[in-house]
């Protein structure tokens, strides 16, 4: 539940959705000397909470009212707006005289006839699309929350890589099967992963696009959104389901199959984030899935009969 008063300062929550101690209670330590760093609770130090009485003691979460506005603002300029546009795109596809299966959804296409200018536009587009991540990092820094509080760091490289690779293999394989089934059932558009020219930068741009997808979606929808919903007092499953529906919404332009598949993926990723407390392996898994999709399409399109 959300705090009773919008003026109440929310306290820190863990990625696992732990309870929010002290919500609505006065900060008794505000006028006491700051304890030495070694004596502060480990969870508090790991979460980046400043010690009371230091120069950074003003870094704290805003009230519930402004925290809700923060979430709305972040997604209004990023994936929330993408979800609305995707819904309108699906409505347009349903209103068309053609069936969904006879229509195409292009993921990465050429942006200019000149190959060099096309490359510049591709790189600028990828960089611009990552600006919401910068915004999230800034907003969290104002609250005294470094990226490490969502498990975005290099503290467990081997474990993160193994988890990400295993997750990509399972989710990627199941996702491909779901897409093919949805296409033949007529509830999905024909998804064309890429239509870039066959030039030297084709594969590098596709790999950058895959990395962009993993970074943007997992940081915003998992690391940031689930954390903020925890801090607002949402129950873990309510937050996971909300984030999963949001994830599915901005894939609606691909059809109903993409919505279902990505929503299921969102539930799995949300549960694993609760268990691991780390967004890094989810970024690795998502980027790997998209990289295999893009590069695999380049290698297999027109050469296999089972690919639409």
C-alpha atoms as a PDB file:
ATOM      1  CA  UNK A   1       0.000   0.000   0.000  1.00  0.00           C
ATOM      2  CA  UNK A   2       1.077   3.577  -0.616  1.00  0.00           C
ATOM      3  CA  UNK A   3       1.926   5.710   2.417  1.00  0.00           C
ATOM      4  CA  UNK A   4      -1.109   7.436   3.937  1.00  0.00           C
ATOM      5  CA  UNK A   5       0.322  10.920   3.487  1.00  0.00           C
ATOM      6  CA  UNK A   6       1.920  12.176   0.302  1.00  0.00           C
ATOM      7  CA  UNK A   7       4.273  14.292   2.401  1.00  0.00           C
ATOM      8  CA  UNK A   8       5.793  11.238   4.091  1.00  0.00           C
ATOM      9  CA  UNK A   9       9.369  10.576   2.996  1.00  0.00           C
ATOM     10  CA  UNK A  10       9.663   7.028   1.708  1.00  0.00           C
ATOM     11  CA  UNK A  11      12.489   4.862   2.904  1.00  0.00           C
ATOM     12  CA  UNK A  12      14.823   2.620   0.916  1.00  0.00           C
ATOM     13  CA  UNK A  13      13.586  -0.749  -0.375  1.00  0.00           C
ATOM     14  CA  UNK A  14      15.615  -3.712  -1.468  1.00  0.00           C
ATOM     15  CA  UNK A  15      15.324  -5.244  -4.969  1.00  0.00           C
ATOM     16  CA  UNK A  16      13.660  -8.237  -3.410  1.00  0.00           C
ATOM     17  CA  UNK A  17      10.707  -6.120  -2.315  1.00  0.00           C
ATOM     18  CA  UNK A  18      11.389  -6.169   1.404  1.00  0.00           C
ATOM     19  CA  UNK A  19       9.152  -4.213   3.741  1.00  0.00           C
ATOM     20  CA  UNK A  20       9.740  -0.493   4.110  1.00  0.00           C
ATOM     21  CA  UNK A  21      10.707   0.093   7.739  1.00  0.00           C
ATOM     22  CA  UNK A  22      10.231   3.540   9.146  1.00  0.00           C
ATOM     23  CA  UNK A  23       7.687   4.812   6.634  1.00  0.00           C
ATOM     24  CA  UNK A  24       5.746   7.593   8.288  1.00  0.00           C
ATOM     25  CA  UNK A  25       8.084   7.671  11.328  1.00  0.00           C
ATOM     26  CA  UNK A  26      10.258  10.682  12.271  1.00  0.00           C
ATOM     27  CA  UNK A  27      13.966  10.346  11.626  1.00  0.00           C
ATOM     28  CA  UNK A  28      15.324  10.224  15.158  1.00  0.00           C
ATOM     29  CA  UNK A  29      18.901   9.894  13.949  1.00  0.00           C
ATOM     30  CA  UNK A  30      18.743  13.173  12.046  1.00  0.00           C
ATOM     31  CA  UNK A  31      20.187  15.133  14.977  1.00  0.00           C
ATOM     32  CA  UNK A  32      22.685  12.516  16.118  1.00  0.00           C
ATOM     33  CA  UNK A  33      26.323  12.207  15.015  1.00  0.00           C
ATOM     34  CA  UNK A  34      26.850   9.949  12.019  1.00  0.00           C
ATOM     35  CA  UNK A  35      28.032   6.461  12.988  1.00  0.00           C
ATOM     36  CA  UNK A  36      31.280   5.229  11.465  1.00  0.00           C
ATOM     37  CA  UNK A  37      30.828   3.523   8.102  1.00  0.00           C
ATOM     38  CA  UNK A  38      31.879   0.137   9.449  1.00  0.00           C
ATOM     39  CA  UNK A  39      29.104   0.189  12.062  1.00  0.00           C
ATOM     40  CA  UNK A  40      26.328   0.983   9.614  1.00  0.00           C
ATOM     41  CA  UNK A  41      24.174  -1.955   8.478  1.00  0.00           C
ATOM     42  CA  UNK A  42      25.652  -3.760   5.479  1.00  0.00           C
ATOM     43  CA  UNK A  43      22.384  -3.543   3.532  1.00  0.00           C
ATOM     44  CA  UNK A  44      22.308   0.216   4.065  1.00  0.00           C
ATOM     45  CA  UNK A  45      25.884   0.653   2.861  1.00  0.00           C
ATOM     46  CA  UNK A  46      25.275  -1.613  -0.152  1.00  0.00           C
ATOM     47  CA  UNK A  47      22.175   0.350  -1.098  1.00  0.00           C
ATOM     48  CA  UNK A  48      24.138   3.576  -1.113  1.00  0.00           C
ATOM     49  CA  UNK A  49      22.221   5.207   1.753  1.00  0.00           C
ATOM     50  CA  UNK A  50      24.163   8.170   3.137  1.00  0.00           C
ATOM     51  CA  UNK A  51      24.985   8.210   6.830  1.00  0.00           C
ATOM     52  CA  UNK A  52      22.810  10.560   8.853  1.00  0.00           C
ATOM     53  CA  UNK A  53      24.467  13.871   9.706  1.00  0.00           C
ATOM     54  CA  UNK A  54      26.787  13.896   6.678  1.00  0.00           C
ATOM     55  CA  UNK A  55      26.704  16.324   3.759  1.00  0.00           C
ATOM     56  CA  UNK A  56      24.781  13.740   1.734  1.00  0.00           C
ATOM     57  CA  UNK A  57      22.044  13.243   4.335  1.00  0.00           C
ATOM     58  CA  UNK A  58      19.686  15.312   2.164  1.00  0.00           C
ATOM     59  CA  UNK A  59      19.804  12.622  -0.535  1.00  0.00           C
ATOM     60  CA  UNK A  60      16.583  10.709   0.012  1.00  0.00           C
ATOM     61  CA  UNK A  61      13.475   9.605  -1.804  1.00  0.00           C
ATOM     62  CA  UNK A  62      10.801  12.198  -2.514  1.00  0.00           C
ATOM     63  CA  UNK A  63       7.312  11.862  -1.068  1.00  0.00           C
ATOM     64  CA  UNK A  64       4.935   9.255  -2.455  1.00  0.00           C
ATOM     65  CA  UNK A  65       3.148  11.926  -4.492  1.00  0.00           C
ATOM     66  CA  UNK A  66       6.288  13.028  -6.290  1.00  0.00           C
ATOM     67  CA  UNK A  67       7.572   9.476  -6.614  1.00  0.00           C
ATOM     68  CA  UNK A  68       4.432   8.572  -8.552  1.00  0.00           C
ATOM     69  CA  UNK A  69       4.910  11.642 -10.754  1.00  0.00           C
ATOM     70  CA  UNK A  70       8.519  10.620 -11.313  1.00  0.00           C
ATOM     71  CA  UNK A  71       7.451   7.197 -12.596  1.00  0.00           C
ATOM     72  CA  UNK A  72       4.848   8.748 -14.895  1.00  0.00           C
ATOM     73  CA  UNK A  73       7.369  11.241 -16.256  1.00  0.00           C
ATOM     74  CA  UNK A  74      10.034   8.605 -16.934  1.00  0.00           C
ATOM     75  CA  UNK A  75       7.690   6.336 -18.871  1.00  0.00           C
ATOM     76  CA  UNK A  76       5.849   9.170 -20.600  1.00  0.00           C
ATOM     77  CA  UNK A  77       9.076   9.960 -22.445  1.00  0.00           C
ATOM     78  CA  UNK A  78      10.125   6.350 -22.988  1.00  0.00           C
ATOM     79  CA  UNK A  79       8.472   2.927 -22.994  1.00  0.00           C
ATOM     80  CA  UNK A  80       5.056   4.136 -21.832  1.00  0.00           C
ATOM     81  CA  UNK A  81       4.772   6.328 -24.922  1.00  0.00           C
ATOM     82  CA  UNK A  82       6.049   3.407 -26.999  1.00  0.00           C
ATOM     83  CA  UNK A  83       3.260   1.262 -25.553  1.00  0.00           C
ATOM     84  CA  UNK A  84       0.598   3.766 -26.603  1.00  0.00           C
ATOM     85  CA  UNK A  85       2.052   4.040 -30.111  1.00  0.00           C
ATOM     86  CA  UNK A  86       2.263   0.258 -30.375  1.00  0.00           C
ATOM     87  CA  UNK A  87      -1.408  -0.071 -29.385  1.00  0.00           C
ATOM     88  CA  UNK A  88      -2.432   2.469 -32.030  1.00  0.00           C
ATOM     89  CA  UNK A  89      -0.300   0.655 -34.590  1.00  0.00           C
ATOM     90  CA  UNK A  90      -2.063  -2.633 -33.774  1.00  0.00           C
ATOM     91  CA  UNK A  91      -5.468  -0.933 -34.116  1.00  0.00           C
ATOM     92  CA  UNK A  92      -4.388   0.315 -37.531  1.00  0.00           C
ATOM     93  CA  UNK A  93      -3.309  -3.184 -38.535  1.00  0.00           C
ATOM     94  CA  UNK A  94      -6.643  -4.641 -37.384  1.00  0.00           C
ATOM     95  CA  UNK A  95      -8.549  -2.006 -39.359  1.00  0.00           C
ATOM     96  CA  UNK A  96      -6.592  -2.773 -42.525  1.00  0.00           C
ATOM     97  CA  UNK A  97      -8.184  -4.984 -45.155  1.00  0.00           C
ATOM     98  CA  UNK A  98      -5.268  -7.408 -44.919  1.00  0.00           C
ATOM     99  CA  UNK A  99      -4.901 -10.119 -42.302  1.00  0.00           C
ATOM    100  CA  UNK A 100      -2.274  -9.671 -39.612  1.00  0.00           C
ATOM    101  CA  UNK A 101      -0.144 -12.444 -41.071  1.00  0.00           C
ATOM    102  CA  UNK A 102       0.048 -10.672 -44.432  1.00  0.00           C
ATOM    103  CA  UNK A 103       1.365  -7.478 -42.840  1.00  0.00           C
ATOM    104  CA  UNK A 104       4.934  -6.839 -41.735  1.00  0.00           C
ATOM    105  CA  UNK A 105       6.519  -5.345 -38.608  1.00  0.00           C
ATOM    106  CA  UNK A 106      10.056  -4.168 -39.305  1.00  0.00           C
ATOM    107  CA  UNK A 107      12.384  -3.912 -36.297  1.00  0.00           C
ATOM    108  CA  UNK A 108      15.565  -2.372 -37.710  1.00  0.00           C
ATOM    109  CA  UNK A 109      15.488  -0.734 -41.115  1.00  0.00           C
ATOM    110  CA  UNK A 110      17.556   1.626 -43.233  1.00  0.00           C
ATOM    111  CA  UNK A 111      17.190   5.335 -42.398  1.00  0.00           C
ATOM    112  CA  UNK A 112      18.793   6.915 -45.479  1.00  0.00           C
ATOM    113  CA  UNK A 113      19.766   5.858 -49.028  1.00  0.00           C
ATOM    114  CA  UNK A 114      23.375   6.981 -48.522  1.00  0.00           C
ATOM    115  CA  UNK A 115      25.161   4.211 -46.614  1.00  0.00           C
ATOM    116  CA  UNK A 116      27.472   6.495 -44.631  1.00  0.00           C
ATOM    117  CA  UNK A 117      24.673   8.850 -43.658  1.00  0.00           C
ATOM    118  CA  UNK A 118      22.545   5.823 -42.818  1.00  0.00           C
ATOM    119  CA  UNK A 119      25.273   4.642 -40.424  1.00  0.00           C
ATOM    120  CA  UNK A 120      25.376   8.044 -38.706  1.00  0.00           C
ATOM    121  CA  UNK A 121      21.596   8.065 -38.311  1.00  0.00           C
ATOM    122  CA  UNK A 122      21.609   4.515 -36.933  1.00  0.00           C
ATOM    123  CA  UNK A 123      24.202   5.358 -34.278  1.00  0.00           C
ATOM    124  CA  UNK A 124      22.508   8.617 -33.301  1.00  0.00           C
ATOM    125  CA  UNK A 125      19.137   6.876 -33.078  1.00  0.00           C
ATOM    126  CA  UNK A 126      20.522   4.189 -30.755  1.00  0.00           C
ATOM    127  CA  UNK A 127      22.220   6.785 -28.550  1.00  0.00           C
ATOM    128  CA  UNK A 128      19.112   8.978 -28.344  1.00  0.00           C
ATOM    129  CA  UNK A 129      16.954   5.987 -27.443  1.00  0.00           C
ATOM    130  CA  UNK A 130      19.138   5.367 -24.376  1.00  0.00           C
ATOM    131  CA  UNK A 131      18.582   8.836 -22.868  1.00  0.00           C
ATOM    132  CA  UNK A 132      15.792   7.558 -20.551  1.00  0.00           C
ATOM    133  CA  UNK A 133      18.440   5.380 -18.888  1.00  0.00           C
ATOM    134  CA  UNK A 134      20.507   8.503 -18.196  1.00  0.00           C
ATOM    135  CA  UNK A 135      17.398  10.150 -16.747  1.00  0.00           C
ATOM    136  CA  UNK A 136      16.778   7.171 -14.451  1.00  0.00           C
ATOM    137  CA  UNK A 137      20.389   7.178 -13.233  1.00  0.00           C
ATOM    138  CA  UNK A 138      20.116  10.901 -12.500  1.00  0.00           C
ATOM    139  CA  UNK A 139      16.855  10.569 -10.573  1.00  0.00           C
ATOM    140  CA  UNK A 140      18.200   7.662  -8.549  1.00  0.00           C
ATOM    141  CA  UNK A 141      21.445   9.525  -7.822  1.00  0.00           C
ATOM    142  CA  UNK A 142      19.396  12.395  -6.392  1.00  0.00           C
ATOM    143  CA  UNK A 143      17.926   9.865  -3.955  1.00  0.00           C
ATOM    144  CA  UNK A 144      21.356   8.509  -3.038  1.00  0.00           C
ATOM    145  CA  UNK A 145      20.864   5.295  -5.050  1.00  0.00           C
ATOM    146  CA  UNK A 146      23.787   4.181  -7.248  1.00  0.00           C
ATOM    147  CA  UNK A 147      23.203   1.688 -10.113  1.00  0.00           C
ATOM    148  CA  UNK A 148      24.570  -1.069  -7.878  1.00  0.00           C
ATOM    149  CA  UNK A 149      21.342  -1.049  -5.824  1.00  0.00           C
ATOM    150  CA  UNK A 150      19.629  -2.751  -8.773  1.00  0.00           C
ATOM    151  CA  UNK A 151      22.553  -5.131  -9.267  1.00  0.00           C
ATOM    152  CA  UNK A 152      24.013  -3.179 -12.180  1.00  0.00           C
ATOM    153  CA  UNK A 153      27.752  -3.551 -11.647  1.00  0.00           C
ATOM    154  CA  UNK A 154      30.686  -5.821 -12.424  1.00  0.00           C
ATOM    155  CA  UNK A 155      30.888  -7.506  -9.029  1.00  0.00           C
ATOM    156  CA  UNK A 156      29.786 -10.944 -10.340  1.00  0.00           C
ATOM    157  CA  UNK A 157      30.903 -11.116 -14.004  1.00  0.00           C
ATOM    158  CA  UNK A 158      31.148 -14.893 -14.283  1.00  0.00           C
ATOM    159  CA  UNK A 159      27.861 -15.641 -12.541  1.00  0.00           C
ATOM    160  CA  UNK A 160      26.033 -12.890 -14.448  1.00  0.00           C
ATOM    161  CA  UNK A 161      27.326 -14.179 -17.782  1.00  0.00           C
ATOM    162  CA  UNK A 162      26.351 -17.788 -17.067  1.00  0.00           C
ATOM    163  CA  UNK A 163      22.905 -16.825 -15.813  1.00  0.00           C
ATOM    164  CA  UNK A 164      22.344 -14.535 -18.778  1.00  0.00           C
ATOM    165  CA  UNK A 165      23.451 -17.132 -21.330  1.00  0.00           C
ATOM    166  CA  UNK A 166      21.288 -19.889 -19.814  1.00  0.00           C
ATOM    167  CA  UNK A 167      18.278 -17.606 -19.615  1.00  0.00           C
ATOM    168  CA  UNK A 168      18.755 -16.461 -23.212  1.00  0.00           C
ATOM    169  CA  UNK A 169      18.849 -20.058 -24.435  1.00  0.00           C
ATOM    170  CA  UNK A 170      15.617 -20.982 -22.662  1.00  0.00           C
ATOM    171  CA  UNK A 171      13.647 -17.789 -23.341  1.00  0.00           C
ATOM    172  CA  UNK A 172      14.968 -17.395 -26.875  1.00  0.00           C
ATOM    173  CA  UNK A 173      14.038 -20.905 -27.936  1.00  0.00           C
ATOM    174  CA  UNK A 174      10.582 -20.720 -26.387  1.00  0.00           C
ATOM    175  CA  UNK A 175      10.026 -17.263 -27.858  1.00  0.00           C
ATOM    176  CA  UNK A 176      10.825 -18.421 -31.385  1.00  0.00           C
ATOM    177  CA  UNK A 177       8.381 -21.297 -31.078  1.00  0.00           C
ATOM    178  CA  UNK A 178       5.670 -18.998 -29.722  1.00  0.00           C
ATOM    179  CA  UNK A 179       6.177 -16.522 -32.569  1.00  0.00           C
ATOM    180  CA  UNK A 180       5.920 -19.203 -35.255  1.00  0.00           C
ATOM    181  CA  UNK A 181       2.766 -20.599 -33.620  1.00  0.00           C
ATOM    182  CA  UNK A 182       1.210 -17.125 -33.273  1.00  0.00           C
ATOM    183  CA  UNK A 183       2.011 -16.319 -36.906  1.00  0.00           C
ATOM    184  CA  UNK A 184       0.318 -19.455 -38.188  1.00  0.00           C
ATOM    185  CA  UNK A 185      -2.666 -18.785 -35.899  1.00  0.00           C
ATOM    186  CA  UNK A 186      -3.053 -15.376 -37.528  1.00  0.00           C
ATOM    187  CA  UNK A 187      -2.535 -13.326 -34.332  1.00  0.00           C
ATOM    188  CA  UNK A 188       0.915 -12.007 -35.208  1.00  0.00           C
ATOM    189  CA  UNK A 189       2.313  -9.873 -37.973  1.00  0.00           C
ATOM    190  CA  UNK A 190       5.193 -11.167 -40.055  1.00  0.00           C
ATOM    191  CA  UNK A 191       8.102  -9.824 -37.990  1.00  0.00           C
ATOM    192  CA  UNK A 192      11.075  -8.772 -40.109  1.00  0.00           C
ATOM    193  CA  UNK A 193      14.008  -8.290 -37.714  1.00  0.00           C
ATOM    194  CA  UNK A 194      16.108  -6.200 -40.107  1.00  0.00           C
ATOM    195  CA  UNK A 195      16.347  -4.806 -43.626  1.00  0.00           C
ATOM    196  CA  UNK A 196      19.709  -3.044 -43.529  1.00  0.00           C
ATOM    197  CA  UNK A 197      21.902  -2.895 -46.623  1.00  0.00           C
ATOM    198  CA  UNK A 198      24.581  -5.580 -46.951  1.00  0.00           C
ATOM    199  CA  UNK A 199      27.471  -3.295 -45.966  1.00  0.00           C
ATOM    200  CA  UNK A 200      30.335  -3.687 -43.471  1.00  0.00           C
ATOM    201  CA  UNK A 201      28.513  -2.001 -40.582  1.00  0.00           C
ATOM    202  CA  UNK A 202      25.351  -4.084 -40.855  1.00  0.00           C
ATOM    203  CA  UNK A 203      26.198  -6.649 -38.157  1.00  0.00           C
ATOM    204  CA  UNK A 204      27.819  -4.144 -35.736  1.00  0.00           C
ATOM    205  CA  UNK A 205      24.725  -1.926 -35.877  1.00  0.00           C
ATOM    206  CA  UNK A 206      22.460  -4.927 -35.296  1.00  0.00           C
ATOM    207  CA  UNK A 207      24.538  -5.931 -32.264  1.00  0.00           C
ATOM    208  CA  UNK A 208      24.377  -2.372 -30.911  1.00  0.00           C
ATOM    209  CA  UNK A 209      20.613  -2.407 -31.416  1.00  0.00           C
ATOM    210  CA  UNK A 210      20.383  -5.668 -29.475  1.00  0.00           C
ATOM    211  CA  UNK A 211      22.471  -4.202 -26.639  1.00  0.00           C
ATOM    212  CA  UNK A 212      20.271  -1.091 -26.646  1.00  0.00           C
ATOM    213  CA  UNK A 213      17.127  -3.208 -26.249  1.00  0.00           C
ATOM    214  CA  UNK A 214      18.534  -5.106 -23.284  1.00  0.00           C
ATOM    215  CA  UNK A 215      19.905  -2.028 -21.515  1.00  0.00           C
ATOM    216  CA  UNK A 216      16.835   0.169 -21.989  1.00  0.00           C
ATOM    217  CA  UNK A 217      14.121  -2.341 -21.182  1.00  0.00           C
ATOM    218  CA  UNK A 218      15.730  -4.158 -18.269  1.00  0.00           C
ATOM    219  CA  UNK A 219      16.980  -1.050 -16.494  1.00  0.00           C
ATOM    220  CA  UNK A 220      13.675   0.807 -16.846  1.00  0.00           C
ATOM    221  CA  UNK A 221      11.109  -1.996 -16.514  1.00  0.00           C
ATOM    222  CA  UNK A 222      12.936  -4.231 -14.038  1.00  0.00           C
ATOM    223  CA  UNK A 223      15.656  -2.364 -12.172  1.00  0.00           C
ATOM    224  CA  UNK A 224      13.945   1.021 -11.918  1.00  0.00           C
ATOM    225  CA  UNK A 225      10.199   0.352 -12.034  1.00  0.00           C
ATOM    226  CA  UNK A 226      10.112  -2.636  -9.682  1.00  0.00           C
ATOM    227  CA  UNK A 227      12.308  -0.763  -7.216  1.00  0.00           C
ATOM    228  CA  UNK A 228      10.114   2.316  -7.259  1.00  0.00           C
ATOM    229  CA  UNK A 229       6.929   0.261  -6.908  1.00  0.00           C
ATOM    230  CA  UNK A 230       8.503  -1.490  -3.910  1.00  0.00           C
ATOM    231  CA  UNK A 231       9.192   1.912  -2.384  1.00  0.00           C
ATOM    232  CA  UNK A 232       5.555   2.873  -2.941  1.00  0.00           C
ATOM    233  CA  UNK A 233       4.481  -0.223  -1.026  1.00  0.00           C
ATOM    234  CA  UNK A 234       3.217  -2.396  -3.888  1.00  0.00           C
ATOM    235  CA  UNK A 235       3.200  -6.123  -3.247  1.00  0.00           C
ATOM    236  CA  UNK A 236       5.896  -8.028  -5.189  1.00  0.00           C
ATOM    237  CA  UNK A 237       3.490  -9.920  -7.454  1.00  0.00           C
ATOM    238  CA  UNK A 238       1.388  -6.858  -8.206  1.00  0.00           C
ATOM    239  CA  UNK A 239       4.526  -4.977  -9.249  1.00  0.00           C
ATOM    240  CA  UNK A 240       5.802  -7.872 -11.374  1.00  0.00           C
ATOM    241  CA  UNK A 241       2.489  -8.257 -13.212  1.00  0.00           C
ATOM    242  CA  UNK A 242       2.230  -4.515 -13.834  1.00  0.00           C
ATOM    243  CA  UNK A 243       5.759  -4.398 -15.243  1.00  0.00           C
ATOM    244  CA  UNK A 244       5.069  -7.487 -17.380  1.00  0.00           C
ATOM    245  CA  UNK A 245       1.942  -5.943 -18.928  1.00  0.00           C
ATOM    246  CA  UNK A 246       3.906  -2.769 -19.631  1.00  0.00           C
ATOM    247  CA  UNK A 247       6.613  -4.837 -21.333  1.00  0.00           C
ATOM    248  CA  UNK A 248       4.037  -6.551 -23.499  1.00  0.00           C
ATOM    249  CA  UNK A 249       2.292  -3.273 -24.377  1.00  0.00           C
ATOM    250  CA  UNK A 250       5.156  -1.731 -26.351  1.00  0.00           C
ATOM    251  CA  UNK A 251       5.403  -4.896 -28.461  1.00  0.00           C
ATOM    252  CA  UNK A 252       1.742  -4.764 -29.533  1.00  0.00           C
ATOM    253  CA  UNK A 253       2.670  -3.367 -32.960  1.00  0.00           C
ATOM    254  CA  UNK A 254       3.947  -6.896 -33.698  1.00  0.00           C
ATOM    255  CA  UNK A 255       0.597  -8.485 -32.862  1.00  0.00           C
ATOM    256  CA  UNK A 256      -1.068 -10.296 -29.973  1.00  0.00           C
ATOM    257  CA  UNK A 257       1.512 -13.079 -29.948  1.00  0.00           C
ATOM    258  CA  UNK A 258       4.314 -10.609 -29.193  1.00  0.00           C
ATOM    259  CA  UNK A 259       2.278  -9.093 -26.365  1.00  0.00           C
ATOM    260  CA  UNK A 260       1.704 -12.489 -24.748  1.00  0.00           C
ATOM    261  CA  UNK A 261       5.269 -13.683 -25.240  1.00  0.00           C
ATOM    262  CA  UNK A 262       6.885 -10.542 -23.875  1.00  0.00           C
ATOM    263  CA  UNK A 263       4.479 -10.356 -20.930  1.00  0.00           C
ATOM    264  CA  UNK A 264       5.388 -13.929 -19.968  1.00  0.00           C
ATOM    265  CA  UNK A 265       9.053 -13.038 -20.368  1.00  0.00           C
ATOM    266  CA  UNK A 266       8.445 -10.059 -18.090  1.00  0.00           C
ATOM    267  CA  UNK A 267       6.993 -12.273 -15.358  1.00  0.00           C
ATOM    268  CA  UNK A 268       9.975 -14.643 -15.552  1.00  0.00           C
ATOM    269  CA  UNK A 269      12.477 -11.780 -15.514  1.00  0.00           C
ATOM    270  CA  UNK A 270      10.660 -10.144 -12.601  1.00  0.00           C
ATOM    271  CA  UNK A 271      10.711 -13.317 -10.526  1.00  0.00           C
ATOM    272  CA  UNK A 272      14.398 -13.898 -11.257  1.00  0.00           C
ATOM    273  CA  UNK A 273      15.221 -10.315 -10.349  1.00  0.00           C
ATOM    274  CA  UNK A 274      13.488 -10.806  -7.012  1.00  0.00           C
ATOM    275  CA  UNK A 275      15.543 -13.931  -6.436  1.00  0.00           C
ATOM    276  CA  UNK A 276      18.921 -12.700  -7.687  1.00  0.00           C
ATOM    277  CA  UNK A 277      18.654  -9.009  -6.848  1.00  0.00           C
ATOM    278  CA  UNK A 278      20.606  -8.273 -10.046  1.00  0.00           C
ATOM    279  CA  UNK A 279      19.543  -6.731 -13.334  1.00  0.00           C
ATOM    280  CA  UNK A 280      22.884  -7.401 -15.094  1.00  0.00           C
ATOM    281  CA  UNK A 281      22.175 -11.041 -16.098  1.00  0.00           C
ATOM    282  CA  UNK A 282      18.772  -9.961 -17.431  1.00  0.00           C
ATOM    283  CA  UNK A 283      20.422  -7.326 -19.624  1.00  0.00           C
ATOM    284  CA  UNK A 284      22.860  -9.953 -20.903  1.00  0.00           C
ATOM    285  CA  UNK A 285      20.038 -12.413 -21.634  1.00  0.00           C
ATOM    286  CA  UNK A 286      17.863  -9.847 -23.426  1.00  0.00           C
ATOM    287  CA  UNK A 287      20.743  -8.521 -25.520  1.00  0.00           C
ATOM    288  CA  UNK A 288      21.787 -12.065 -26.454  1.00  0.00           C
ATOM    289  CA  UNK A 289      18.238 -13.013 -27.506  1.00  0.00           C
ATOM    290  CA  UNK A 290      17.953  -9.983 -29.770  1.00  0.00           C
ATOM    291  CA  UNK A 291      21.478 -10.413 -31.155  1.00  0.00           C
ATOM    292  CA  UNK A 292      20.735 -14.007 -32.162  1.00  0.00           C
ATOM    293  CA  UNK A 293      17.414 -12.888 -33.653  1.00  0.00           C
ATOM    294  CA  UNK A 294      19.010 -10.163 -35.786  1.00  0.00           C
ATOM    295  CA  UNK A 295      22.108 -12.046 -36.905  1.00  0.00           C
ATOM    296  CA  UNK A 296      20.202 -15.302 -37.298  1.00  0.00           C
ATOM    297  CA  UNK A 297      17.722 -13.600 -39.598  1.00  0.00           C
ATOM    298  CA  UNK A 298      20.576 -12.281 -41.758  1.00  0.00           C
ATOM    299  CA  UNK A 299      21.953 -15.814 -42.048  1.00  0.00           C
ATOM    300  CA  UNK A 300      18.680 -17.736 -42.483  1.00  0.00           C
ATOM    301  CA  UNK A 301      16.182 -15.480 -44.268  1.00  0.00           C
ATOM    302  CA  UNK A 302      15.129 -17.076 -47.526  1.00  0.00           C
ATOM    303  CA  UNK A 303      17.147 -20.209 -46.820  1.00  0.00           C
ATOM    304  CA  UNK A 304      14.847 -22.129 -44.465  1.00  0.00           C
ATOM    305  CA  UNK A 305      11.207 -23.028 -44.978  1.00  0.00           C
ATOM    306  CA  UNK A 306      10.059 -22.726 -41.353  1.00  0.00           C
ATOM    307  CA  UNK A 307      10.916 -19.029 -41.033  1.00  0.00           C
ATOM    308  CA  UNK A 308       7.975 -16.806 -42.157  1.00  0.00           C
END
